[in-house]
Amino acid sequence: MKLVKLFAFVLFYIKEVVVTNFQVAYDVLTKKHHMTPGFIAIPVDGLSDRQLLVLSNLLTMTPGSITIDLSQDKKTLFIHAMYIDTVDEVRNEIIEKYVKRVKEVF
């Protein structure tokens, strides 16, 4: 069962990398920039050190986002994202797409 979840996670992540690569490439190659960059605090309370490491690296390797810092108490991950319509929308998307999956698989 865990192997199936890991395989599904790998497929999900490959899709995310491809989609975000195209998004960033399109933005770089067109005259009008669609970027609305900013910083976001993501609650990560309850993640182990290994899960935090995996999550941080996955977010950094995904084009358009980078992990900046982890709070001293390891409850909040700070990231910079290139495309923020609303902070809550991006925060919830990261929690749903990444944090929950990392908890499940790792």
C-alpha atoms as a PDB file:
ATOM      1  CA  MET A   1       0.000   0.000   0.000  1.00  0.00           C
ATOM      2  CA  LYS A   2       2.817   2.401   0.917  1.00  0.00           C
ATOM      3  CA  LEU A   3       4.559   1.589  -2.372  1.00  0.00           C
ATOM      4  CA  VAL A   4       1.411   2.518  -4.315  1.00  0.00           C
ATOM      5  CA  LYS A   5       1.200   5.850  -2.468  1.00  0.00           C
ATOM      6  CA  LEU A   6       4.868   6.512  -3.172  1.00  0.00           C
ATOM      7  CA  PHE A   7       4.403   5.748  -6.875  1.00  0.00           C
ATOM      8  CA  ALA A   8       1.340   8.021  -7.034  1.00  0.00           C
ATOM      9  CA  PHE A   9       3.312  10.755  -5.281  1.00  0.00           C
ATOM     10  CA  VAL A  10       6.187  10.478  -7.758  1.00  0.00           C
ATOM     11  CA  LEU A  11       3.762  10.752 -10.680  1.00  0.00           C
ATOM     12  CA  PHE A  12       2.064  13.755  -9.052  1.00  0.00           C
ATOM     13  CA  TYR A  13       5.404  15.474  -8.520  1.00  0.00           C
ATOM     14  CA  ILE A  14       6.618  14.861 -12.086  1.00  0.00           C
ATOM     15  CA  LYS A  15       3.380  16.396 -13.372  1.00  0.00           C
ATOM     16  CA  GLU A  16       3.819  19.413 -11.073  1.00  0.00           C
ATOM     17  CA  VAL A  17       7.390  19.992 -12.245  1.00  0.00           C
ATOM     18  CA  VAL A  18       6.409  19.790 -15.917  1.00  0.00           C
ATOM     19  CA  VAL A  19       3.405  22.108 -15.530  1.00  0.00           C
ATOM     20  CA  THR A  20       5.298  24.707 -13.502  1.00  0.00           C
ATOM     21  CA  ASN A  21       8.252  24.578 -15.913  1.00  0.00           C
ATOM     22  CA  PHE A  22       5.923  25.507 -18.759  1.00  0.00           C
ATOM     23  CA  GLN A  23       4.318  28.248 -16.671  1.00  0.00           C
ATOM     24  CA  VAL A  24       7.653  29.840 -15.787  1.00  0.00           C
ATOM     25  CA  ALA A  25       9.022  29.419 -19.334  1.00  0.00           C
ATOM     26  CA  TYR A  26       5.910  31.052 -20.805  1.00  0.00           C
ATOM     27  CA  ASP A  27       6.240  33.952 -18.410  1.00  0.00           C
ATOM     28  CA  VAL A  28       9.925  34.423 -19.226  1.00  0.00           C
ATOM     29  CA  LEU A  29       9.393  34.233 -23.003  1.00  0.00           C
ATOM     30  CA  THR A  30       6.421  36.593 -23.271  1.00  0.00           C
ATOM     31  CA  LYS A  31       6.579  40.370 -23.029  1.00  0.00           C
ATOM     32  CA  LYS A  32       3.985  40.683 -20.277  1.00  0.00           C
ATOM     33  CA  HIS A  33       4.968  39.144 -16.970  1.00  0.00           C
ATOM     34  CA  HIS A  34       2.231  37.432 -15.004  1.00  0.00           C
ATOM     35  CA  MET A  35       4.268  37.124 -11.826  1.00  0.00           C
ATOM     36  CA  THR A  36       2.861  38.259  -8.507  1.00  0.00           C
ATOM     37  CA  PRO A  37       5.673  37.167  -6.182  1.00  0.00           C
ATOM     38  CA  GLY A  38       5.596  37.133  -2.427  1.00  0.00           C
ATOM     39  CA  PHE A  39       6.332  35.295   0.785  1.00  0.00           C
ATOM     40  CA  ILE A  40       3.999  32.807   2.434  1.00  0.00           C
ATOM     41  CA  ALA A  41       4.041  31.121   5.837  1.00  0.00           C
ATOM     42  CA  ILE A  42       2.950  27.473   5.645  1.00  0.00           C
ATOM     43  CA  PRO A  43       1.909  25.697   8.862  1.00  0.00           C
ATOM     44  CA  VAL A  44       3.814  22.410   9.118  1.00  0.00           C
ATOM     45  CA  ASP A  45       3.197  21.495  12.744  1.00  0.00           C
ATOM     46  CA  GLY A  46       3.443  17.770  13.306  1.00  0.00           C
ATOM     47  CA  LEU A  47       5.870  16.954  10.493  1.00  0.00           C
ATOM     48  CA  SER A  48       8.972  14.976  11.364  1.00  0.00           C
ATOM     49  CA  ASP A  49      12.438  16.261  10.473  1.00  0.00           C
ATOM     50  CA  ARG A  50      12.507  13.868   7.499  1.00  0.00           C
ATOM     51  CA  GLN A  51       9.116  15.077   6.263  1.00  0.00           C
ATOM     52  CA  LEU A  52      10.222  18.708   6.638  1.00  0.00           C
ATOM     53  CA  LEU A  53      13.363  17.968   4.645  1.00  0.00           C
ATOM     54  CA  VAL A  54      11.414  16.247   1.856  1.00  0.00           C
ATOM     55  CA  LEU A  55       8.772  18.994   1.745  1.00  0.00           C
ATOM     56  CA  SER A  56      11.347  21.792   1.699  1.00  0.00           C
ATOM     57  CA  ASN A  57      13.325  20.173  -1.087  1.00  0.00           C
ATOM     58  CA  LEU A  58      10.248  19.384  -3.182  1.00  0.00           C
ATOM     59  CA  LEU A  59       9.024  22.973  -2.953  1.00  0.00           C
ATOM     60  CA  THR A  60      12.477  24.322  -3.829  1.00  0.00           C
ATOM     61  CA  MET A  61      12.881  21.985  -6.810  1.00  0.00           C
ATOM     62  CA  THR A  62       9.473  22.970  -8.182  1.00  0.00           C
ATOM     63  CA  PRO A  63       9.934  25.979 -10.485  1.00  0.00           C
ATOM     64  CA  GLY A  64       8.262  29.106  -9.163  1.00  0.00           C
ATOM     65  CA  SER A  65       8.798  28.460  -5.462  1.00  0.00           C
ATOM     66  CA  ILE A  66      11.686  28.253  -3.043  1.00  0.00           C
ATOM     67  CA  THR A  67      11.902  27.425   0.637  1.00  0.00           C
ATOM     68  CA  ILE A  68      13.338  30.339   2.591  1.00  0.00           C
ATOM     69  CA  ASP A  69      13.312  29.346   6.255  1.00  0.00           C
ATOM     70  CA  LEU A  70      11.848  27.128   8.948  1.00  0.00           C
ATOM     71  CA  SER A  71      10.742  28.675  12.231  1.00  0.00           C
ATOM     72  CA  GLN A  72      12.746  27.800  15.365  1.00  0.00           C
ATOM     73  CA  ASP A  73       9.848  25.722  16.715  1.00  0.00           C
ATOM     74  CA  LYS A  74       9.536  23.849  13.367  1.00  0.00           C
ATOM     75  CA  LYS A  75       5.864  24.768  13.058  1.00  0.00           C
ATOM     76  CA  THR A  76       6.051  27.190  10.125  1.00  0.00           C
ATOM     77  CA  LEU A  77       7.813  26.932   6.778  1.00  0.00           C
ATOM     78  CA  PHE A  78       8.450  30.191   4.934  1.00  0.00           C
ATOM     79  CA  ILE A  79       8.506  30.088   1.158  1.00  0.00           C
ATOM     80  CA  HIS A  80       8.752  32.529  -1.708  1.00  0.00           C
ATOM     81  CA  ALA A  81       6.366  31.909  -4.595  1.00  0.00           C
ATOM     82  CA  MET A  82       6.308  33.609  -7.998  1.00  0.00           C
ATOM     83  CA  TYR A  83       2.568  33.353  -8.593  1.00  0.00           C
ATOM     84  CA  ILE A  84       0.318  34.452  -5.737  1.00  0.00           C
ATOM     85  CA  ASP A  85      -3.264  35.429  -6.517  1.00  0.00           C
ATOM     86  CA  THR A  86      -4.190  35.294  -2.846  1.00  0.00           C
ATOM     87  CA  VAL A  87      -1.960  34.130  -0.015  1.00  0.00           C
ATOM     88  CA  ASP A  88      -4.662  31.865   1.445  1.00  0.00           C
ATOM     89  CA  GLU A  89      -5.271  30.199  -1.924  1.00  0.00           C
ATOM     90  CA  VAL A  90      -1.578  29.384  -2.428  1.00  0.00           C
ATOM     91  CA  ARG A  91      -1.146  28.306   1.206  1.00  0.00           C
ATOM     92  CA  ASN A  92      -4.130  25.936   0.971  1.00  0.00           C
ATOM     93  CA  GLU A  93      -2.913  24.573  -2.370  1.00  0.00           C
ATOM     94  CA  ILE A  94       0.513  23.772  -0.896  1.00  0.00           C
ATOM     95  CA  ILE A  95      -1.057  22.159   2.164  1.00  0.00           C
ATOM     96  CA  GLU A  96      -3.419  20.038   0.042  1.00  0.00           C
ATOM     97  CA  LYS A  97      -0.970  19.118  -2.711  1.00  0.00           C
ATOM     98  CA  TYR A  98       2.286  18.757  -0.810  1.00  0.00           C
ATOM     99  CA  VAL A  99       2.012  18.720   2.987  1.00  0.00           C
ATOM    100  CA  LYS A 100      -0.753  16.121   3.159  1.00  0.00           C
ATOM    101  CA  ARG A 101       0.941  13.896   0.576  1.00  0.00           C
ATOM    102  CA  VAL A 102       4.326  14.134   2.302  1.00  0.00           C
ATOM    103  CA  LYS A 103       2.658  13.140   5.601  1.00  0.00           C
ATOM    104  CA  GLU A 104       1.028  10.180   3.880  1.00  0.00           C
ATOM    105  CA  VAL A 105       4.058   8.866   2.021  1.00  0.00           C
ATOM    106  CA  PHE A 106       6.963   9.657   4.334  1.00  0.00           C
END
